[in-house]
N, C-alpha and C. Protein backbone atom coordinates (compact mmCIF):
# COMPACT_ATOMS: atom_id res chain seq x y z
N UNK A 1 -9.22 12.74 -21.19
CA UNK A 1 -9.51 12.96 -19.93
C UNK A 1 -8.31 13.37 -18.80
N UNK A 2 -9.07 13.91 -17.91
CA UNK A 2 -7.96 14.59 -17.00
C UNK A 2 -6.54 13.25 -16.46
N UNK A 3 -5.36 13.47 -16.14
CA UNK A 3 -4.78 11.98 -15.67
C UNK A 3 -4.63 12.63 -14.23
N UNK A 4 -4.62 11.42 -13.05
CA UNK A 4 -4.68 11.64 -12.02
C UNK A 4 -2.84 12.25 -11.37
N UNK A 5 -2.87 12.91 -10.46
CA UNK A 5 -1.15 13.00 -10.06
C UNK A 5 -0.85 11.99 -10.09
N UNK A 6 -1.13 10.77 -9.44
CA UNK A 6 -0.15 9.20 -9.56
C UNK A 6 -0.51 9.27 -11.19
N UNK A 7 -0.59 9.43 -11.88
CA UNK A 7 -0.16 8.87 -13.29
C UNK A 7 1.08 10.09 -13.80
N UNK A 8 0.59 11.36 -13.25
CA UNK A 8 1.85 12.30 -13.72
C UNK A 8 2.87 11.79 -13.24
N UNK A 9 2.77 11.47 -11.56
CA UNK A 9 4.05 10.85 -10.98
C UNK A 9 4.48 9.65 -11.92
N UNK A 10 3.92 8.30 -12.39
CA UNK A 10 4.06 7.31 -13.09
C UNK A 10 4.95 8.07 -14.51
N UNK A 11 4.66 8.94 -14.97
CA UNK A 11 4.88 9.24 -16.21
C UNK A 11 6.47 10.52 -16.11
N UNK A 12 6.20 10.81 -14.64
CA UNK A 12 7.62 11.38 -14.41
C UNK A 12 7.03 13.16 -15.19
N UNK A 13 6.24 13.75 -15.16
CA UNK A 13 5.28 14.59 -15.59
C UNK A 13 6.00 15.59 -14.10
N UNK A 14 5.28 15.24 -13.12
CA UNK A 14 5.97 16.24 -11.70
C UNK A 14 6.59 14.82 -10.85
N UNK A 15 7.61 15.33 -9.75
CA UNK A 15 8.50 15.15 -9.31
C UNK A 15 8.23 14.45 -7.58
N UNK A 16 8.12 13.00 -7.64
CA UNK A 16 7.94 12.30 -6.40
C UNK A 16 9.47 12.14 -5.74
N UNK A 17 9.57 11.26 -4.49
CA UNK A 17 10.37 10.76 -3.85
C UNK A 17 10.21 9.45 -4.10
N UNK A 18 10.63 8.44 -4.60
CA UNK A 18 10.48 7.47 -5.51
C UNK A 18 11.36 6.68 -4.46
N UNK A 19 10.47 5.43 -3.98
CA UNK A 19 11.22 4.59 -3.20
C UNK A 19 11.76 2.89 -3.43
N UNK A 20 10.76 3.00 -4.74
CA UNK A 20 10.72 1.50 -4.97
C UNK A 20 9.67 2.06 -6.28
N UNK A 21 10.41 0.77 -7.64
CA UNK A 21 9.02 0.84 -8.45
C UNK A 21 10.02 -0.28 -9.55
N UNK A 22 8.79 -1.57 -9.95
CA UNK A 22 9.03 -1.94 -11.41
C UNK A 22 8.00 -1.48 -12.39
N UNK A 23 7.82 -2.57 -13.39
CA UNK A 23 6.59 -2.46 -13.97
C UNK A 23 5.23 -2.58 -14.01
N UNK A 24 4.80 -2.76 -12.43
CA UNK A 24 3.29 -2.82 -12.46
C UNK A 24 3.48 -1.99 -11.03
N UNK A 25 4.26 -1.19 -10.48
CA UNK A 25 3.99 -0.72 -9.21
C UNK A 25 4.76 0.51 -8.77
N UNK A 26 4.36 1.98 -7.96
CA UNK A 26 5.29 2.39 -7.48
C UNK A 26 5.22 2.64 -6.19
N UNK A 27 6.23 3.20 -5.34
CA UNK A 27 6.05 3.58 -3.93
C UNK A 27 6.86 4.71 -3.99
N UNK A 28 5.25 6.02 -3.30
CA UNK A 28 6.31 7.36 -2.97
C UNK A 28 5.88 7.36 -1.56
N UNK A 29 6.41 8.55 -1.15
CA UNK A 29 6.09 9.55 -0.03
C UNK A 29 4.82 10.22 -0.44
N UNK A 30 4.32 10.01 1.18
CA UNK A 30 3.24 10.91 0.87
C UNK A 30 2.88 12.50 1.38
N UNK A 31 2.52 13.30 0.33
CA UNK A 31 2.37 14.21 0.61
C UNK A 31 2.51 15.37 2.02
N UNK A 32 1.25 14.54 2.40
CA UNK A 32 0.65 15.09 3.73
C UNK A 32 0.89 13.45 4.97
N UNK A 33 1.55 13.32 5.25
CA UNK A 33 1.84 12.38 5.98
C UNK A 33 0.94 12.93 7.49
N UNK A 34 0.81 11.16 8.05
CA UNK A 34 -0.29 11.10 9.12
C UNK A 34 0.67 10.62 9.65
N UNK A 35 2.03 10.06 9.55
CA UNK A 35 3.09 9.07 11.12
C UNK A 35 4.16 9.69 10.21
N UNK A 36 5.42 9.07 10.65
CA UNK A 36 6.89 9.57 10.74
C UNK A 36 6.81 8.61 9.01
N UNK A 37 6.74 7.15 9.19
CA UNK A 37 6.44 6.38 8.28
C UNK A 37 5.30 6.41 7.38
N UNK A 38 5.38 7.74 6.09
CA UNK A 38 3.56 7.43 5.14
C UNK A 38 3.90 7.37 4.17
N UNK A 39 4.01 5.91 3.79
CA UNK A 39 4.33 5.46 1.72
C UNK A 39 3.28 5.21 1.70
N UNK A 40 2.61 5.83 -0.11
CA UNK A 40 1.73 5.03 -0.88
C UNK A 40 2.26 4.38 -2.19
N UNK A 41 1.27 2.93 -1.83
CA UNK A 41 1.69 1.93 -2.94
C UNK A 41 1.02 2.03 -3.90
N UNK A 42 0.99 2.54 -5.25
CA UNK A 42 0.46 2.73 -6.26
C UNK A 42 0.30 1.47 -7.63
N UNK A 43 -0.61 1.18 -8.29
CA UNK A 43 -0.48 0.17 -9.15
C UNK A 43 -0.23 0.85 -9.93
N UNK A 44 0.51 1.18 -11.21
CA UNK A 44 0.60 2.03 -11.97
C UNK A 44 -0.25 1.83 -13.11
N UNK A 45 -1.24 0.61 -13.04
CA UNK A 45 -3.08 0.16 -13.92
C UNK A 45 -3.81 1.00 -12.98
N UNK A 46 -4.51 2.26 -13.60
CA UNK A 46 -5.25 3.26 -13.09
C UNK A 46 -6.41 2.19 -13.05
N UNK A 47 -7.08 2.17 -11.83
CA UNK A 47 -8.23 1.76 -11.28
C UNK A 47 -8.68 2.73 -10.09
N UNK A 48 -9.78 3.29 -10.61
CA UNK A 48 -10.55 4.64 -9.96
C UNK A 48 -10.52 4.02 -8.52
N UNK A 49 -11.50 2.82 -7.86
CA UNK A 49 -11.54 2.52 -6.80
C UNK A 49 -11.59 0.77 -6.08
N UNK A 50 -11.87 0.48 -5.00
CA UNK A 50 -11.75 -0.48 -4.80
C UNK A 50 -12.94 -1.28 -5.39
N UNK A 51 -14.18 -0.56 -5.82
CA UNK A 51 -15.16 -1.10 -6.89
C UNK A 51 -15.29 -1.33 -7.62
N UNK A 52 -14.02 -0.44 -8.45
CA UNK A 52 -14.12 -0.95 -9.79
C UNK A 52 -12.78 -1.82 -9.81
N UNK A 53 -12.59 -2.68 -8.75
CA UNK A 53 -11.50 -3.87 -9.06
C UNK A 53 -12.73 -5.12 -10.06
N UNK A 54 -11.89 -5.62 -11.36
CA UNK A 54 -11.82 -6.73 -11.87
C UNK A 54 -11.39 -7.64 -11.55
N UNK A 55 -11.51 -8.88 -11.65
CA UNK A 55 -11.68 -10.74 -11.19
C UNK A 55 -9.88 -10.76 -11.79
N UNK A 56 -9.50 -10.19 -13.04
CA UNK A 56 -8.11 -9.95 -13.00
C UNK A 56 -7.40 -9.29 -12.47
N UNK A 57 -7.66 -8.35 -11.39
CA UNK A 57 -6.51 -7.71 -10.48
C UNK A 57 -6.28 -8.41 -9.21
N UNK A 58 -6.41 -9.64 -9.26
CA UNK A 58 -6.38 -9.80 -8.19
C UNK A 58 -5.00 -10.04 -7.60
N UNK A 59 -4.36 -10.54 -8.62
CA UNK A 59 -2.91 -10.51 -8.31
C UNK A 59 -2.00 -9.49 -8.59
N UNK A 60 -2.57 -8.54 -9.04
CA UNK A 60 -1.72 -6.82 -8.57
C UNK A 60 -2.20 -6.47 -7.16
N UNK A 61 -3.19 -6.43 -6.93
CA UNK A 61 -3.84 -6.38 -5.48
C UNK A 61 -2.80 -6.86 -3.70
N UNK A 62 -2.74 -8.08 -4.50
CA UNK A 62 -1.95 -9.17 -3.70
C UNK A 62 -0.29 -8.56 -4.11
N UNK A 63 -0.14 -8.07 -4.74
CA UNK A 63 1.60 -7.63 -4.67
C UNK A 63 1.47 -6.40 -4.50
N UNK A 64 -0.10 -5.11 -4.21
CA UNK A 64 0.86 -4.10 -3.15
C UNK A 64 0.93 -4.64 -2.03
N UNK A 65 0.44 -5.84 -1.75
CA UNK A 65 0.14 -6.26 0.05
C UNK A 65 1.77 -6.77 0.03
N UNK A 66 2.12 -7.60 -0.65
CA UNK A 66 3.82 -7.70 -0.45
C UNK A 66 4.50 -7.14 -0.90
N UNK A 67 4.54 -5.70 -1.27
CA UNK A 67 5.20 -4.61 -1.75
C UNK A 67 5.91 -3.74 -0.22
N UNK A 68 4.24 -3.97 0.42
CA UNK A 68 4.01 -3.23 1.08
C UNK A 68 4.70 -3.50 2.69
N UNK A 69 4.82 -4.90 3.06
CA UNK A 69 5.22 -5.97 3.59
C UNK A 69 7.40 -5.53 3.80
N UNK A 70 7.55 -5.76 1.95
CA UNK A 70 8.85 -5.26 1.93
C UNK A 70 9.25 -3.59 2.41
N UNK A 71 8.24 -3.03 2.28
CA UNK A 71 9.32 -1.09 2.39
C UNK A 71 8.77 -1.61 4.17
N UNK A 72 7.53 -1.79 4.56
CA UNK A 72 7.95 -2.21 6.34
C UNK A 72 9.07 -2.96 6.86
N UNK A 73 8.95 -3.84 5.92
CA UNK A 73 10.80 -3.96 6.63
C UNK A 73 12.21 -3.29 6.54
N UNK A 74 11.95 -2.85 5.34
CA UNK A 74 12.83 -1.60 4.63
C UNK A 74 12.69 -0.37 5.47
N UNK A 75 11.68 0.16 6.18
CA UNK A 75 12.13 1.46 6.84
C UNK A 75 11.78 1.11 8.66
N UNK A 76 11.66 -0.15 8.67
CA UNK A 76 11.97 -0.43 10.33
C UNK A 76 10.99 -0.40 11.21
N UNK A 77 9.92 -0.86 10.20
CA UNK A 77 8.27 -1.09 11.12
C UNK A 77 7.97 -2.11 10.50
N UNK A 78 8.59 -3.28 10.56
CA UNK A 78 7.85 -4.18 10.56
C UNK A 78 7.64 -5.20 11.99
N UNK A 79 8.99 -5.01 12.96
CA UNK A 79 8.71 -5.16 13.76
C UNK A 79 7.56 -4.15 14.98
N UNK A 80 7.70 -3.25 14.77
CA UNK A 80 7.26 -2.33 15.97
C UNK A 80 5.61 -2.75 15.68
N UNK A 81 5.03 -2.33 14.06
CA UNK A 81 3.82 -2.46 13.67
C UNK A 81 3.46 -1.05 12.73
N UNK A 82 2.77 -1.81 11.77
CA UNK A 82 2.30 -0.43 11.11
C UNK A 82 1.10 -0.82 10.41
N UNK A 83 -0.13 -0.08 9.94
CA UNK A 83 -1.24 0.18 8.75
C UNK A 83 -0.60 -0.11 7.64
N UNK A 84 -1.73 -0.85 6.95
CA UNK A 84 -2.17 -1.11 5.58
C UNK A 84 -3.50 -0.60 5.01
N UNK A 85 -3.46 0.53 5.11
CA UNK A 85 -4.96 1.03 4.49
C UNK A 85 -5.49 1.69 3.25
N UNK A 86 -6.56 0.92 2.94
CA UNK A 86 -7.16 1.30 1.33
C UNK A 86 -8.28 2.37 1.88
N UNK A 87 -8.43 3.42 0.80
CA UNK A 87 -9.51 4.13 0.65
C UNK A 87 -10.40 4.06 -0.12
N UNK A 88 -12.00 4.16 -0.08
CA UNK A 88 -12.69 4.45 -0.78
C UNK A 88 -13.66 5.11 -0.94
N UNK A 89 -13.92 5.90 -1.77
CA UNK A 89 -14.87 6.98 -2.26
C UNK A 89 -14.77 7.59 -0.92
N UNK A 90 -15.26 8.85 -0.90
CA UNK A 90 -15.65 10.17 -0.47
C UNK A 90 -15.45 10.08 1.01
N UNK A 91 -16.56 9.10 1.50
CA UNK A 91 -16.68 8.31 3.02
C UNK A 91 -15.55 8.40 3.73
N UNK A 92 -14.76 7.33 2.79
CA UNK A 92 -13.96 6.33 2.85
C UNK A 92 -12.84 6.93 2.82
N UNK A 93 -12.94 8.25 2.47
CA UNK A 93 -10.92 9.38 2.25
C UNK A 93 -10.60 9.31 1.70
N UNK A 94 -11.16 8.70 0.22
CA UNK A 94 -10.32 8.99 -1.11
C UNK A 94 -10.67 10.00 -1.75
N UNK A 95 -9.16 10.81 -1.69
CA UNK A 95 -9.00 12.20 -2.53
C UNK A 95 -8.30 11.85 -4.24
N UNK A 96 -7.42 10.88 -4.46
CA UNK A 96 -7.29 10.34 -5.40
C UNK A 96 -8.24 8.98 -6.24
N UNK A 97 -8.68 9.67 -7.19
CA UNK A 97 -9.58 8.59 -7.60
C UNK A 97 -8.12 7.20 -8.23
N UNK A 98 -7.53 6.52 -8.28
CA UNK A 98 -6.68 6.05 -8.15
C UNK A 98 -6.26 5.08 -7.59
N UNK A 99 -6.62 3.52 -7.55
CA UNK A 99 -6.25 3.11 -5.92
C UNK A 99 -4.85 2.92 -5.67
N UNK A 100 -4.55 3.39 -4.12
CA UNK A 100 -3.40 3.10 -3.75
C UNK A 100 -3.67 2.22 -2.35
N UNK A 101 -2.74 1.91 -2.07
CA UNK A 101 -2.07 1.49 -0.66
C UNK A 101 -1.59 2.15 0.43
N UNK A 102 -1.93 2.60 1.20
CA UNK A 102 -1.37 4.04 2.44
C UNK A 102 -0.34 2.57 3.34
N UNK A 103 0.74 2.73 3.65
CA UNK A 103 1.16 2.35 4.20
C UNK A 103 2.40 3.16 6.01
N UNK A 104 1.58 3.15 6.83
CA UNK A 104 1.69 3.99 7.87
C UNK A 104 2.08 3.45 9.13
N UNK A 105 3.46 4.32 9.86
CA UNK A 105 3.94 3.09 11.32
C UNK A 105 5.02 4.55 11.24
N UNK A 106 5.62 4.35 12.73
CA UNK A 106 6.87 4.82 13.25
C UNK A 106 5.98 5.83 14.46
N UNK A 107 4.61 5.04 14.82
CA UNK A 107 3.91 5.93 15.78
C UNK A 107 3.07 4.43 16.29
N UNK A 108 2.25 5.00 17.31
CA UNK A 108 1.87 4.01 17.79
C UNK A 108 0.19 4.29 17.60
N UNK A 109 -0.94 4.15 17.14
CA UNK A 109 -2.22 3.89 16.37
C UNK A 109 -3.00 3.58 17.29
N UNK A 110 -4.32 4.40 17.71
CA UNK A 110 -5.42 4.07 18.72
C UNK A 110 -6.97 3.34 17.37
N UNK A 111 -7.41 3.09 17.97
CA UNK A 111 -8.43 2.34 17.16
C UNK A 111 -9.90 2.48 18.23
N UNK A 112 -11.01 2.97 17.63
CA UNK A 112 -11.59 2.91 16.18
C UNK A 112 -10.10 4.10 15.52
N UNK A 113 -10.25 4.09 13.96
CA UNK A 113 -9.60 4.94 13.59
C UNK A 113 -10.26 6.16 13.07
N UNK A 114 -9.71 7.64 13.28
CA UNK A 114 -10.66 8.44 12.81
C UNK A 114 -11.45 8.28 11.57
């Protein structure tokens, strides 16, 4: 089975700018940023889409949001505001089939999103 780009980053097979890492989560810069701050918060456990979440993944997904909150503070966007986004499947904009939370900030956003 082919590894995703995120699996290759986790295994250090390809480089990435890592901002945080522990046993369950890694945080890297998005290679195609849409805002001055655009981080990817990735679980080390491969879950292809949000549709593939199991009951046992609840704590891990909650942790992704806790890490997002901490990164927002670290990067100074916690007070001005930011977005935390999951994309799911093709129409939802998902391009890597390994769930990941986008943390974007450092500029104003409009609604509805693109």
